[in-house]
Amino acid sequence: FFPPVQSPDDFDAATVKTLLDAAIG
């Protein structure tokens, strides 16, 4: 992730699931 554009707070449960789904396919 890329501060200051992004922060750890951006990675909520829904975002994490979306990222993992995209990574795994």
PDBML (XML) file of the C-alpha atoms, coordinates in Angstrom:
<?xml version="1.0" encoding="UTF-8" ?>
<PDBx:datablock datablockName="MODEL"
   xmlns:PDBx="http://pdbml.pdb.org/schema/pdbx-v50.xsd"
   xmlns:xsi="http://www.w3.org/2001/XMLSchema-instance"
   xsi:schemaLocation="http://pdbml.pdb.org/schema/pdbx-v50.xsd pdbx-v50.xsd">
   <PDBx:atom_siteCategory>
      <PDBx:atom_site id="1">
         <PDBx:B_iso_or_equiv>0.00</PDBx:B_iso_or_equiv>
         <PDBx:Cartn_x>0.000</PDBx:Cartn_x>
         <PDBx:Cartn_y>0.000</PDBx:Cartn_y>
         <PDBx:Cartn_z>0.000</PDBx:Cartn_z>
         <PDBx:auth_asym_id>A</PDBx:auth_asym_id>
         <PDBx:auth_atom_id>CA</PDBx:auth_atom_id>
         <PDBx:auth_comp_id>PHE</PDBx:auth_comp_id>
         <PDBx:auth_seq_id>1</PDBx:auth_seq_id>
         <PDBx:group_PDB>ATOM</PDBx:group_PDB>
         <PDBx:label_alt_id xsi:nil="true" />
         <PDBx:label_asym_id>A</PDBx:label_asym_id>
         <PDBx:label_atom_id>CA</PDBx:label_atom_id>
         <PDBx:label_comp_id>PHE</PDBx:label_comp_id>
         <PDBx:label_entity_id>1</PDBx:label_entity_id>
         <PDBx:label_seq_id>1</PDBx:label_seq_id>
         <PDBx:occupancy>1.00</PDBx:occupancy>
         <PDBx:pdbx_PDB_model_num>1</PDBx:pdbx_PDB_model_num>
         <PDBx:type_symbol>C</PDBx:type_symbol>
      </PDBx:atom_site>
      <PDBx:atom_site id="2">
         <PDBx:B_iso_or_equiv>0.00</PDBx:B_iso_or_equiv>
         <PDBx:Cartn_x>1.133</PDBx:Cartn_x>
         <PDBx:Cartn_y>3.548</PDBx:Cartn_y>
         <PDBx:Cartn_z>-0.650</PDBx:Cartn_z>
         <PDBx:auth_asym_id>A</PDBx:auth_asym_id>
         <PDBx:auth_atom_id>CA</PDBx:auth_atom_id>
         <PDBx:auth_comp_id>PHE</PDBx:auth_comp_id>
         <PDBx:auth_seq_id>2</PDBx:auth_seq_id>
         <PDBx:group_PDB>ATOM</PDBx:group_PDB>
         <PDBx:label_alt_id xsi:nil="true" />
         <PDBx:label_asym_id>A</PDBx:label_asym_id>
         <PDBx:label_atom_id>CA</PDBx:label_atom_id>
         <PDBx:label_comp_id>PHE</PDBx:label_comp_id>
         <PDBx:label_entity_id>1</PDBx:label_entity_id>
         <PDBx:label_seq_id>2</PDBx:label_seq_id>
         <PDBx:occupancy>1.00</PDBx:occupancy>
         <PDBx:pdbx_PDB_model_num>1</PDBx:pdbx_PDB_model_num>
         <PDBx:type_symbol>C</PDBx:type_symbol>
      </PDBx:atom_site>
      <PDBx:atom_site id="3">
         <PDBx:B_iso_or_equiv>0.00</PDBx:B_iso_or_equiv>
         <PDBx:Cartn_x>1.029</PDBx:Cartn_x>
         <PDBx:Cartn_y>6.263</PDBx:Cartn_y>
         <PDBx:Cartn_z>2.043</PDBx:Cartn_z>
         <PDBx:auth_asym_id>A</PDBx:auth_asym_id>
         <PDBx:auth_atom_id>CA</PDBx:auth_atom_id>
         <PDBx:auth_comp_id>PRO</PDBx:auth_comp_id>
         <PDBx:auth_seq_id>3</PDBx:auth_seq_id>
         <PDBx:group_PDB>ATOM</PDBx:group_PDB>
         <PDBx:label_alt_id xsi:nil="true" />
         <PDBx:label_asym_id>A</PDBx:label_asym_id>
         <PDBx:label_atom_id>CA</PDBx:label_atom_id>
         <PDBx:label_comp_id>PRO</PDBx:label_comp_id>
         <PDBx:label_entity_id>1</PDBx:label_entity_id>
         <PDBx:label_seq_id>3</PDBx:label_seq_id>
         <PDBx:occupancy>1.00</PDBx:occupancy>
         <PDBx:pdbx_PDB_model_num>1</PDBx:pdbx_PDB_model_num>
         <PDBx:type_symbol>C</PDBx:type_symbol>
      </PDBx:atom_site>
      <PDBx:atom_site id="4">
         <PDBx:B_iso_or_equiv>0.00</PDBx:B_iso_or_equiv>
         <PDBx:Cartn_x>-0.202</PDBx:Cartn_x>
         <PDBx:Cartn_y>8.959</PDBx:Cartn_y>
         <PDBx:Cartn_z>2.143</PDBx:Cartn_z>
         <PDBx:auth_asym_id>A</PDBx:auth_asym_id>
         <PDBx:auth_atom_id>CA</PDBx:auth_atom_id>
         <PDBx:auth_comp_id>PRO</PDBx:auth_comp_id>
         <PDBx:auth_seq_id>4</PDBx:auth_seq_id>
         <PDBx:group_PDB>ATOM</PDBx:group_PDB>
         <PDBx:label_alt_id xsi:nil="true" />
         <PDBx:label_asym_id>A</PDBx:label_asym_id>
         <PDBx:label_atom_id>CA</PDBx:label_atom_id>
         <PDBx:label_comp_id>PRO</PDBx:label_comp_id>
         <PDBx:label_entity_id>1</PDBx:label_entity_id>
         <PDBx:label_seq_id>4</PDBx:label_seq_id>
         <PDBx:occupancy>1.00</PDBx:occupancy>
         <PDBx:pdbx_PDB_model_num>1</PDBx:pdbx_PDB_model_num>
         <PDBx:type_symbol>C</PDBx:type_symbol>
      </PDBx:atom_site>
      <PDBx:atom_site id="5">
         <PDBx:B_iso_or_equiv>0.00</PDBx:B_iso_or_equiv>
         <PDBx:Cartn_x>-2.691</PDBx:Cartn_x>
         <PDBx:Cartn_y>7.937</PDBx:Cartn_y>
         <PDBx:Cartn_z>-0.558</PDBx:Cartn_z>
         <PDBx:auth_asym_id>A</PDBx:auth_asym_id>
         <PDBx:auth_atom_id>CA</PDBx:auth_atom_id>
         <PDBx:auth_comp_id>VAL</PDBx:auth_comp_id>
         <PDBx:auth_seq_id>5</PDBx:auth_seq_id>
         <PDBx:group_PDB>ATOM</PDBx:group_PDB>
         <PDBx:label_alt_id xsi:nil="true" />
         <PDBx:label_asym_id>A</PDBx:label_asym_id>
         <PDBx:label_atom_id>CA</PDBx:label_atom_id>
         <PDBx:label_comp_id>VAL</PDBx:label_comp_id>
         <PDBx:label_entity_id>1</PDBx:label_entity_id>
         <PDBx:label_seq_id>5</PDBx:label_seq_id>
         <PDBx:occupancy>1.00</PDBx:occupancy>
         <PDBx:pdbx_PDB_model_num>1</PDBx:pdbx_PDB_model_num>
         <PDBx:type_symbol>C</PDBx:type_symbol>
      </PDBx:atom_site>
      <PDBx:atom_site id="6">
         <PDBx:B_iso_or_equiv>0.00</PDBx:B_iso_or_equiv>
         <PDBx:Cartn_x>-3.526</PDBx:Cartn_x>
         <PDBx:Cartn_y>4.745</PDBx:Cartn_y>
         <PDBx:Cartn_z>1.343</PDBx:Cartn_z>
         <PDBx:auth_asym_id>A</PDBx:auth_asym_id>
         <PDBx:auth_atom_id>CA</PDBx:auth_atom_id>
         <PDBx:auth_comp_id>GLN</PDBx:auth_comp_id>
         <PDBx:auth_seq_id>6</PDBx:auth_seq_id>
         <PDBx:group_PDB>ATOM</PDBx:group_PDB>
         <PDBx:label_alt_id xsi:nil="true" />
         <PDBx:label_asym_id>A</PDBx:label_asym_id>
         <PDBx:label_atom_id>CA</PDBx:label_atom_id>
         <PDBx:label_comp_id>GLN</PDBx:label_comp_id>
         <PDBx:label_entity_id>1</PDBx:label_entity_id>
         <PDBx:label_seq_id>6</PDBx:label_seq_id>
         <PDBx:occupancy>1.00</PDBx:occupancy>
         <PDBx:pdbx_PDB_model_num>1</PDBx:pdbx_PDB_model_num>
         <PDBx:type_symbol>C</PDBx:type_symbol>
      </PDBx:atom_site>
      <PDBx:atom_site id="7">
         <PDBx:B_iso_or_equiv>0.00</PDBx:B_iso_or_equiv>
         <PDBx:Cartn_x>-3.402</PDBx:Cartn_x>
         <PDBx:Cartn_y>3.733</PDBx:Cartn_y>
         <PDBx:Cartn_z>4.991</PDBx:Cartn_z>
         <PDBx:auth_asym_id>A</PDBx:auth_asym_id>
         <PDBx:auth_atom_id>CA</PDBx:auth_atom_id>
         <PDBx:auth_comp_id>SER</PDBx:auth_comp_id>
         <PDBx:auth_seq_id>7</PDBx:auth_seq_id>
         <PDBx:group_PDB>ATOM</PDBx:group_PDB>
         <PDBx:label_alt_id xsi:nil="true" />
         <PDBx:label_asym_id>A</PDBx:label_asym_id>
         <PDBx:label_atom_id>CA</PDBx:label_atom_id>
         <PDBx:label_comp_id>SER</PDBx:label_comp_id>
         <PDBx:label_entity_id>1</PDBx:label_entity_id>
         <PDBx:label_seq_id>7</PDBx:label_seq_id>
         <PDBx:occupancy>1.00</PDBx:occupancy>
         <PDBx:pdbx_PDB_model_num>1</PDBx:pdbx_PDB_model_num>
         <PDBx:type_symbol>C</PDBx:type_symbol>
      </PDBx:atom_site>
      <PDBx:atom_site id="8">
         <PDBx:B_iso_or_equiv>0.00</PDBx:B_iso_or_equiv>
         <PDBx:Cartn_x>-3.923</PDBx:Cartn_x>
         <PDBx:Cartn_y>0.487</PDBx:Cartn_y>
         <PDBx:Cartn_z>6.989</PDBx:Cartn_z>
         <PDBx:auth_asym_id>A</PDBx:auth_asym_id>
         <PDBx:auth_atom_id>CA</PDBx:auth_atom_id>
         <PDBx:auth_comp_id>PRO</PDBx:auth_comp_id>
         <PDBx:auth_seq_id>8</PDBx:auth_seq_id>
         <PDBx:group_PDB>ATOM</PDBx:group_PDB>
         <PDBx:label_alt_id xsi:nil="true" />
         <PDBx:label_asym_id>A</PDBx:label_asym_id>
         <PDBx:label_atom_id>CA</PDBx:label_atom_id>
         <PDBx:label_comp_id>PRO</PDBx:label_comp_id>
         <PDBx:label_entity_id>1</PDBx:label_entity_id>
         <PDBx:label_seq_id>8</PDBx:label_seq_id>
         <PDBx:occupancy>1.00</PDBx:occupancy>
         <PDBx:pdbx_PDB_model_num>1</PDBx:pdbx_PDB_model_num>
         <PDBx:type_symbol>C</PDBx:type_symbol>
      </PDBx:atom_site>
      <PDBx:atom_site id="9">
         <PDBx:B_iso_or_equiv>0.00</PDBx:B_iso_or_equiv>
         <PDBx:Cartn_x>-7.429</PDBx:Cartn_x>
         <PDBx:Cartn_y>1.710</PDBx:Cartn_y>
         <PDBx:Cartn_z>7.833</PDBx:Cartn_z>
         <PDBx:auth_asym_id>A</PDBx:auth_asym_id>
         <PDBx:auth_atom_id>CA</PDBx:auth_atom_id>
         <PDBx:auth_comp_id>ASP</PDBx:auth_comp_id>
         <PDBx:auth_seq_id>9</PDBx:auth_seq_id>
         <PDBx:group_PDB>ATOM</PDBx:group_PDB>
         <PDBx:label_alt_id xsi:nil="true" />
         <PDBx:label_asym_id>A</PDBx:label_asym_id>
         <PDBx:label_atom_id>CA</PDBx:label_atom_id>
         <PDBx:label_comp_id>ASP</PDBx:label_comp_id>
         <PDBx:label_entity_id>1</PDBx:label_entity_id>
         <PDBx:label_seq_id>9</PDBx:label_seq_id>
         <PDBx:occupancy>1.00</PDBx:occupancy>
         <PDBx:pdbx_PDB_model_num>1</PDBx:pdbx_PDB_model_num>
         <PDBx:type_symbol>C</PDBx:type_symbol>
      </PDBx:atom_site>
      <PDBx:atom_site id="10">
         <PDBx:B_iso_or_equiv>0.00</PDBx:B_iso_or_equiv>
         <PDBx:Cartn_x>-8.387</PDBx:Cartn_x>
         <PDBx:Cartn_y>1.166</PDBx:Cartn_y>
         <PDBx:Cartn_z>4.189</PDBx:Cartn_z>
         <PDBx:auth_asym_id>A</PDBx:auth_asym_id>
         <PDBx:auth_atom_id>CA</PDBx:auth_atom_id>
         <PDBx:auth_comp_id>ASP</PDBx:auth_comp_id>
         <PDBx:auth_seq_id>10</PDBx:auth_seq_id>
         <PDBx:group_PDB>ATOM</PDBx:group_PDB>
         <PDBx:label_alt_id xsi:nil="true" />
         <PDBx:label_asym_id>A</PDBx:label_asym_id>
         <PDBx:label_atom_id>CA</PDBx:label_atom_id>
         <PDBx:label_comp_id>ASP</PDBx:label_comp_id>
         <PDBx:label_entity_id>1</PDBx:label_entity_id>
         <PDBx:label_seq_id>10</PDBx:label_seq_id>
         <PDBx:occupancy>1.00</PDBx:occupancy>
         <PDBx:pdbx_PDB_model_num>1</PDBx:pdbx_PDB_model_num>
         <PDBx:type_symbol>C</PDBx:type_symbol>
      </PDBx:atom_site>
      <PDBx:atom_site id="11">
         <PDBx:B_iso_or_equiv>0.00</PDBx:B_iso_or_equiv>
         <PDBx:Cartn_x>-8.045</PDBx:Cartn_x>
         <PDBx:Cartn_y>-2.603</PDBx:Cartn_y>
         <PDBx:Cartn_z>4.603</PDBx:Cartn_z>
         <PDBx:auth_asym_id>A</PDBx:auth_asym_id>
         <PDBx:auth_atom_id>CA</PDBx:auth_atom_id>
         <PDBx:auth_comp_id>PHE</PDBx:auth_comp_id>
         <PDBx:auth_seq_id>11</PDBx:auth_seq_id>
         <PDBx:group_PDB>ATOM</PDBx:group_PDB>
         <PDBx:label_alt_id xsi:nil="true" />
         <PDBx:label_asym_id>A</PDBx:label_asym_id>
         <PDBx:label_atom_id>CA</PDBx:label_atom_id>
         <PDBx:label_comp_id>PHE</PDBx:label_comp_id>
         <PDBx:label_entity_id>1</PDBx:label_entity_id>
         <PDBx:label_seq_id>11</PDBx:label_seq_id>
         <PDBx:occupancy>1.00</PDBx:occupancy>
         <PDBx:pdbx_PDB_model_num>1</PDBx:pdbx_PDB_model_num>
         <PDBx:type_symbol>C</PDBx:type_symbol>
      </PDBx:atom_site>
      <PDBx:atom_site id="12">
         <PDBx:B_iso_or_equiv>0.00</PDBx:B_iso_or_equiv>
         <PDBx:Cartn_x>-11.336</PDBx:Cartn_x>
         <PDBx:Cartn_y>-3.498</PDBx:Cartn_y>
         <PDBx:Cartn_z>6.252</PDBx:Cartn_z>
         <PDBx:auth_asym_id>A</PDBx:auth_asym_id>
         <PDBx:auth_atom_id>CA</PDBx:auth_atom_id>
         <PDBx:auth_comp_id>ASP</PDBx:auth_comp_id>
         <PDBx:auth_seq_id>12</PDBx:auth_seq_id>
         <PDBx:group_PDB>ATOM</PDBx:group_PDB>
         <PDBx:label_alt_id xsi:nil="true" />
         <PDBx:label_asym_id>A</PDBx:label_asym_id>
         <PDBx:label_atom_id>CA</PDBx:label_atom_id>
         <PDBx:label_comp_id>ASP</PDBx:label_comp_id>
         <PDBx:label_entity_id>1</PDBx:label_entity_id>
         <PDBx:label_seq_id>12</PDBx:label_seq_id>
         <PDBx:occupancy>1.00</PDBx:occupancy>
         <PDBx:pdbx_PDB_model_num>1</PDBx:pdbx_PDB_model_num>
         <PDBx:type_symbol>C</PDBx:type_symbol>
      </PDBx:atom_site>
      <PDBx:atom_site id="13">
         <PDBx:B_iso_or_equiv>0.00</PDBx:B_iso_or_equiv>
         <PDBx:Cartn_x>-12.833</PDBx:Cartn_x>
         <PDBx:Cartn_y>-6.991</PDBx:Cartn_y>
         <PDBx:Cartn_z>6.122</PDBx:Cartn_z>
         <PDBx:auth_asym_id>A</PDBx:auth_asym_id>
         <PDBx:auth_atom_id>CA</PDBx:auth_atom_id>
         <PDBx:auth_comp_id>ALA</PDBx:auth_comp_id>
         <PDBx:auth_seq_id>13</PDBx:auth_seq_id>
         <PDBx:group_PDB>ATOM</PDBx:group_PDB>
         <PDBx:label_alt_id xsi:nil="true" />
         <PDBx:label_asym_id>A</PDBx:label_asym_id>
         <PDBx:label_atom_id>CA</PDBx:label_atom_id>
         <PDBx:label_comp_id>ALA</PDBx:label_comp_id>
         <PDBx:label_entity_id>1</PDBx:label_entity_id>
         <PDBx:label_seq_id>13</PDBx:label_seq_id>
         <PDBx:occupancy>1.00</PDBx:occupancy>
         <PDBx:pdbx_PDB_model_num>1</PDBx:pdbx_PDB_model_num>
         <PDBx:type_symbol>C</PDBx:type_symbol>
      </PDBx:atom_site>
      <PDBx:atom_site id="14">
         <PDBx:B_iso_or_equiv>0.00</PDBx:B_iso_or_equiv>
         <PDBx:Cartn_x>-14.724</PDBx:Cartn_x>
         <PDBx:Cartn_y>-6.435</PDBx:Cartn_y>
         <PDBx:Cartn_z>2.870</PDBx:Cartn_z>
         <PDBx:auth_asym_id>A</PDBx:auth_asym_id>
         <PDBx:auth_atom_id>CA</PDBx:auth_atom_id>
         <PDBx:auth_comp_id>ALA</PDBx:auth_comp_id>
         <PDBx:auth_seq_id>14</PDBx:auth_seq_id>
         <PDBx:group_PDB>ATOM</PDBx:group_PDB>
         <PDBx:label_alt_id xsi:nil="true" />
         <PDBx:label_asym_id>A</PDBx:label_asym_id>
         <PDBx:label_atom_id>CA</PDBx:label_atom_id>
         <PDBx:label_comp_id>ALA</PDBx:label_comp_id>
         <PDBx:label_entity_id>1</PDBx:label_entity_id>
         <PDBx:label_seq_id>14</PDBx:label_seq_id>
         <PDBx:occupancy>1.00</PDBx:occupancy>
         <PDBx:pdbx_PDB_model_num>1</PDBx:pdbx_PDB_model_num>
         <PDBx:type_symbol>C</PDBx:type_symbol>
      </PDBx:atom_site>
      <PDBx:atom_site id="15">
         <PDBx:B_iso_or_equiv>0.00</PDBx:B_iso_or_equiv>
         <PDBx:Cartn_x>-11.686</PDBx:Cartn_x>
         <PDBx:Cartn_y>-4.933</PDBx:Cartn_y>
         <PDBx:Cartn_z>1.121</PDBx:Cartn_z>
         <PDBx:auth_asym_id>A</PDBx:auth_asym_id>
         <PDBx:auth_atom_id>CA</PDBx:auth_atom_id>
         <PDBx:auth_comp_id>THR</PDBx:auth_comp_id>
         <PDBx:auth_seq_id>15</PDBx:auth_seq_id>
         <PDBx:group_PDB>ATOM</PDBx:group_PDB>
         <PDBx:label_alt_id xsi:nil="true" />
         <PDBx:label_asym_id>A</PDBx:label_asym_id>
         <PDBx:label_atom_id>CA</PDBx:label_atom_id>
         <PDBx:label_comp_id>THR</PDBx:label_comp_id>
         <PDBx:label_entity_id>1</PDBx:label_entity_id>
         <PDBx:label_seq_id>15</PDBx:label_seq_id>
         <PDBx:occupancy>1.00</PDBx:occupancy>
         <PDBx:pdbx_PDB_model_num>1</PDBx:pdbx_PDB_model_num>
         <PDBx:type_symbol>C</PDBx:type_symbol>
      </PDBx:atom_site>
      <PDBx:atom_site id="16">
         <PDBx:B_iso_or_equiv>0.00</PDBx:B_iso_or_equiv>
         <PDBx:Cartn_x>-9.437</PDBx:Cartn_x>
         <PDBx:Cartn_y>-7.766</PDBx:Cartn_y>
         <PDBx:Cartn_z>2.253</PDBx:Cartn_z>
         <PDBx:auth_asym_id>A</PDBx:auth_asym_id>
         <PDBx:auth_atom_id>CA</PDBx:auth_atom_id>
         <PDBx:auth_comp_id>VAL</PDBx:auth_comp_id>
         <PDBx:auth_seq_id>16</PDBx:auth_seq_id>
         <PDBx:group_PDB>ATOM</PDBx:group_PDB>
         <PDBx:label_alt_id xsi:nil="true" />
         <PDBx:label_asym_id>A</PDBx:label_asym_id>
         <PDBx:label_atom_id>CA</PDBx:label_atom_id>
         <PDBx:label_comp_id>VAL</PDBx:label_comp_id>
         <PDBx:label_entity_id>1</PDBx:label_entity_id>
         <PDBx:label_seq_id>16</PDBx:label_seq_id>
         <PDBx:occupancy>1.00</PDBx:occupancy>
         <PDBx:pdbx_PDB_model_num>1</PDBx:pdbx_PDB_model_num>
         <PDBx:type_symbol>C</PDBx:type_symbol>
      </PDBx:atom_site>
      <PDBx:atom_site id="17">
         <PDBx:B_iso_or_equiv>0.00</PDBx:B_iso_or_equiv>
         <PDBx:Cartn_x>-11.879</PDBx:Cartn_x>
         <PDBx:Cartn_y>-10.373</PDBx:Cartn_y>
         <PDBx:Cartn_z>0.941</PDBx:Cartn_z>
         <PDBx:auth_asym_id>A</PDBx:auth_asym_id>
         <PDBx:auth_atom_id>CA</PDBx:auth_atom_id>
         <PDBx:auth_comp_id>LYS</PDBx:auth_comp_id>
         <PDBx:auth_seq_id>17</PDBx:auth_seq_id>
         <PDBx:group_PDB>ATOM</PDBx:group_PDB>
         <PDBx:label_alt_id xsi:nil="true" />
         <PDBx:label_asym_id>A</PDBx:label_asym_id>
         <PDBx:label_atom_id>CA</PDBx:label_atom_id>
         <PDBx:label_comp_id>LYS</PDBx:label_comp_id>
         <PDBx:label_entity_id>1</PDBx:label_entity_id>
         <PDBx:label_seq_id>17</PDBx:label_seq_id>
         <PDBx:occupancy>1.00</PDBx:occupancy>
         <PDBx:pdbx_PDB_model_num>1</PDBx:pdbx_PDB_model_num>
         <PDBx:type_symbol>C</PDBx:type_symbol>
      </PDBx:atom_site>
      <PDBx:atom_site id="18">
         <PDBx:B_iso_or_equiv>0.00</PDBx:B_iso_or_equiv>
         <PDBx:Cartn_x>-12.124</PDBx:Cartn_x>
         <PDBx:Cartn_y>-8.566</PDBx:Cartn_y>
         <PDBx:Cartn_z>-2.401</PDBx:Cartn_z>
         <PDBx:auth_asym_id>A</PDBx:auth_asym_id>
         <PDBx:auth_atom_id>CA</PDBx:auth_atom_id>
         <PDBx:auth_comp_id>THR</PDBx:auth_comp_id>
         <PDBx:auth_seq_id>18</PDBx:auth_seq_id>
         <PDBx:group_PDB>ATOM</PDBx:group_PDB>
         <PDBx:label_alt_id xsi:nil="true" />
         <PDBx:label_asym_id>A</PDBx:label_asym_id>
         <PDBx:label_atom_id>CA</PDBx:label_atom_id>
         <PDBx:label_comp_id>THR</PDBx:label_comp_id>
         <PDBx:label_entity_id>1</PDBx:label_entity_id>
         <PDBx:label_seq_id>18</PDBx:label_seq_id>
         <PDBx:occupancy>1.00</PDBx:occupancy>
         <PDBx:pdbx_PDB_model_num>1</PDBx:pdbx_PDB_model_num>
         <PDBx:type_symbol>C</PDBx:type_symbol>
      </PDBx:atom_site>
      <PDBx:atom_site id="19">
         <PDBx:B_iso_or_equiv>0.00</PDBx:B_iso_or_equiv>
         <PDBx:Cartn_x>-8.321</PDBx:Cartn_x>
         <PDBx:Cartn_y>-8.441</PDBx:Cartn_y>
         <PDBx:Cartn_z>-2.684</PDBx:Cartn_z>
         <PDBx:auth_asym_id>A</PDBx:auth_asym_id>
         <PDBx:auth_atom_id>CA</PDBx:auth_atom_id>
         <PDBx:auth_comp_id>LEU</PDBx:auth_comp_id>
         <PDBx:auth_seq_id>19</PDBx:auth_seq_id>
         <PDBx:group_PDB>ATOM</PDBx:group_PDB>
         <PDBx:label_alt_id xsi:nil="true" />
         <PDBx:label_asym_id>A</PDBx:label_asym_id>
         <PDBx:label_atom_id>CA</PDBx:label_atom_id>
         <PDBx:label_comp_id>LEU</PDBx:label_comp_id>
         <PDBx:label_entity_id>1</PDBx:label_entity_id>
         <PDBx:label_seq_id>19</PDBx:label_seq_id>
         <PDBx:occupancy>1.00</PDBx:occupancy>
         <PDBx:pdbx_PDB_model_num>1</PDBx:pdbx_PDB_model_num>
         <PDBx:type_symbol>C</PDBx:type_symbol>
      </PDBx:atom_site>
      <PDBx:atom_site id="20">
         <PDBx:B_iso_or_equiv>0.00</PDBx:B_iso_or_equiv>
         <PDBx:Cartn_x>-7.936</PDBx:Cartn_x>
         <PDBx:Cartn_y>-12.134</PDBx:Cartn_y>
         <PDBx:Cartn_z>-1.883</PDBx:Cartn_z>
         <PDBx:auth_asym_id>A</PDBx:auth_asym_id>
         <PDBx:auth_atom_id>CA</PDBx:auth_atom_id>
         <PDBx:auth_comp_id>LEU</PDBx:auth_comp_id>
         <PDBx:auth_seq_id>20</PDBx:auth_seq_id>
         <PDBx:group_PDB>ATOM</PDBx:group_PDB>
         <PDBx:label_alt_id xsi:nil="true" />
         <PDBx:label_asym_id>A</PDBx:label_asym_id>
         <PDBx:label_atom_id>CA</PDBx:label_atom_id>
         <PDBx:label_comp_id>LEU</PDBx:label_comp_id>
         <PDBx:label_entity_id>1</PDBx:label_entity_id>
         <PDBx:label_seq_id>20</PDBx:label_seq_id>
         <PDBx:occupancy>1.00</PDBx:occupancy>
         <PDBx:pdbx_PDB_model_num>1</PDBx:pdbx_PDB_model_num>
         <PDBx:type_symbol>C</PDBx:type_symbol>
      </PDBx:atom_site>
      <PDBx:atom_site id="21">
         <PDBx:B_iso_or_equiv>0.00</PDBx:B_iso_or_equiv>
         <PDBx:Cartn_x>-10.674</PDBx:Cartn_x>
         <PDBx:Cartn_y>-13.090</PDBx:Cartn_y>
         <PDBx:Cartn_z>-4.348</PDBx:Cartn_z>
         <PDBx:auth_asym_id>A</PDBx:auth_asym_id>
         <PDBx:auth_atom_id>CA</PDBx:auth_atom_id>
         <PDBx:auth_comp_id>ASP</PDBx:auth_comp_id>
         <PDBx:auth_seq_id>21</PDBx:auth_seq_id>
         <PDBx:group_PDB>ATOM</PDBx:group_PDB>
         <PDBx:label_alt_id xsi:nil="true" />
         <PDBx:label_asym_id>A</PDBx:label_asym_id>
         <PDBx:label_atom_id>CA</PDBx:label_atom_id>
         <PDBx:label_comp_id>ASP</PDBx:label_comp_id>
         <PDBx:label_entity_id>1</PDBx:label_entity_id>
         <PDBx:label_seq_id>21</PDBx:label_seq_id>
         <PDBx:occupancy>1.00</PDBx:occupancy>
         <PDBx:pdbx_PDB_model_num>1</PDBx:pdbx_PDB_model_num>
         <PDBx:type_symbol>C</PDBx:type_symbol>
      </PDBx:atom_site>
      <PDBx:atom_site id="22">
         <PDBx:B_iso_or_equiv>0.00</PDBx:B_iso_or_equiv>
         <PDBx:Cartn_x>-8.917</PDBx:Cartn_x>
         <PDBx:Cartn_y>-11.046</PDBx:Cartn_y>
         <PDBx:Cartn_z>-7.030</PDBx:Cartn_z>
         <PDBx:auth_asym_id>A</PDBx:auth_asym_id>
         <PDBx:auth_atom_id>CA</PDBx:auth_atom_id>
         <PDBx:auth_comp_id>ALA</PDBx:auth_comp_id>
         <PDBx:auth_seq_id>22</PDBx:auth_seq_id>
         <PDBx:group_PDB>ATOM</PDBx:group_PDB>
         <PDBx:label_alt_id xsi:nil="true" />
         <PDBx:label_asym_id>A</PDBx:label_asym_id>
         <PDBx:label_atom_id>CA</PDBx:label_atom_id>
         <PDBx:label_comp_id>ALA</PDBx:label_comp_id>
         <PDBx:label_entity_id>1</PDBx:label_entity_id>
         <PDBx:label_seq_id>22</PDBx:label_seq_id>
         <PDBx:occupancy>1.00</PDBx:occupancy>
         <PDBx:pdbx_PDB_model_num>1</PDBx:pdbx_PDB_model_num>
         <PDBx:type_symbol>C</PDBx:type_symbol>
      </PDBx:atom_site>
      <PDBx:atom_site id="23">
         <PDBx:B_iso_or_equiv>0.00</PDBx:B_iso_or_equiv>
         <PDBx:Cartn_x>-5.518</PDBx:Cartn_x>
         <PDBx:Cartn_y>-12.535</PDBx:Cartn_y>
         <PDBx:Cartn_z>-6.188</PDBx:Cartn_z>
         <PDBx:auth_asym_id>A</PDBx:auth_asym_id>
         <PDBx:auth_atom_id>CA</PDBx:auth_atom_id>
         <PDBx:auth_comp_id>ALA</PDBx:auth_comp_id>
         <PDBx:auth_seq_id>23</PDBx:auth_seq_id>
         <PDBx:group_PDB>ATOM</PDBx:group_PDB>
         <PDBx:label_alt_id xsi:nil="true" />
         <PDBx:label_asym_id>A</PDBx:label_asym_id>
         <PDBx:label_atom_id>CA</PDBx:label_atom_id>
         <PDBx:label_comp_id>ALA</PDBx:label_comp_id>
         <PDBx:label_entity_id>1</PDBx:label_entity_id>
         <PDBx:label_seq_id>23</PDBx:label_seq_id>
         <PDBx:occupancy>1.00</PDBx:occupancy>
         <PDBx:pdbx_PDB_model_num>1</PDBx:pdbx_PDB_model_num>
         <PDBx:type_symbol>C</PDBx:type_symbol>
      </PDBx:atom_site>
      <PDBx:atom_site id="24">
         <PDBx:B_iso_or_equiv>0.00</PDBx:B_iso_or_equiv>
         <PDBx:Cartn_x>-6.744</PDBx:Cartn_x>
         <PDBx:Cartn_y>-16.134</PDBx:Cartn_y>
         <PDBx:Cartn_z>-6.214</PDBx:Cartn_z>
         <PDBx:auth_asym_id>A</PDBx:auth_asym_id>
         <PDBx:auth_atom_id>CA</PDBx:auth_atom_id>
         <PDBx:auth_comp_id>ILE</PDBx:auth_comp_id>
         <PDBx:auth_seq_id>24</PDBx:auth_seq_id>
         <PDBx:group_PDB>ATOM</PDBx:group_PDB>
         <PDBx:label_alt_id xsi:nil="true" />
         <PDBx:label_asym_id>A</PDBx:label_asym_id>
         <PDBx:label_atom_id>CA</PDBx:label_atom_id>
         <PDBx:label_comp_id>ILE</PDBx:label_comp_id>
         <PDBx:label_entity_id>1</PDBx:label_entity_id>
         <PDBx:label_seq_id>24</PDBx:label_seq_id>
         <PDBx:occupancy>1.00</PDBx:occupancy>
         <PDBx:pdbx_PDB_model_num>1</PDBx:pdbx_PDB_model_num>
         <PDBx:type_symbol>C</PDBx:type_symbol>
      </PDBx:atom_site>
      <PDBx:atom_site id="25">
         <PDBx:B_iso_or_equiv>0.00</PDBx:B_iso_or_equiv>
         <PDBx:Cartn_x>-9.087</PDBx:Cartn_x>
         <PDBx:Cartn_y>-15.661</PDBx:Cartn_y>
         <PDBx:Cartn_z>-9.151</PDBx:Cartn_z>
         <PDBx:auth_asym_id>A</PDBx:auth_asym_id>
         <PDBx:auth_atom_id>CA</PDBx:auth_atom_id>
         <PDBx:auth_comp_id>GLY</PDBx:auth_comp_id>
         <PDBx:auth_seq_id>25</PDBx:auth_seq_id>
         <PDBx:group_PDB>ATOM</PDBx:group_PDB>
         <PDBx:label_alt_id xsi:nil="true" />
         <PDBx:label_asym_id>A</PDBx:label_asym_id>
         <PDBx:label_atom_id>CA</PDBx:label_atom_id>
         <PDBx:label_comp_id>GLY</PDBx:label_comp_id>
         <PDBx:label_entity_id>1</PDBx:label_entity_id>
         <PDBx:label_seq_id>25</PDBx:label_seq_id>
         <PDBx:occupancy>1.00</PDBx:occupancy>
         <PDBx:pdbx_PDB_model_num>1</PDBx:pdbx_PDB_model_num>
         <PDBx:type_symbol>C</PDBx:type_symbol>
      </PDBx:atom_site>
   </PDBx:atom_siteCategory>
</PDBx:datablock>
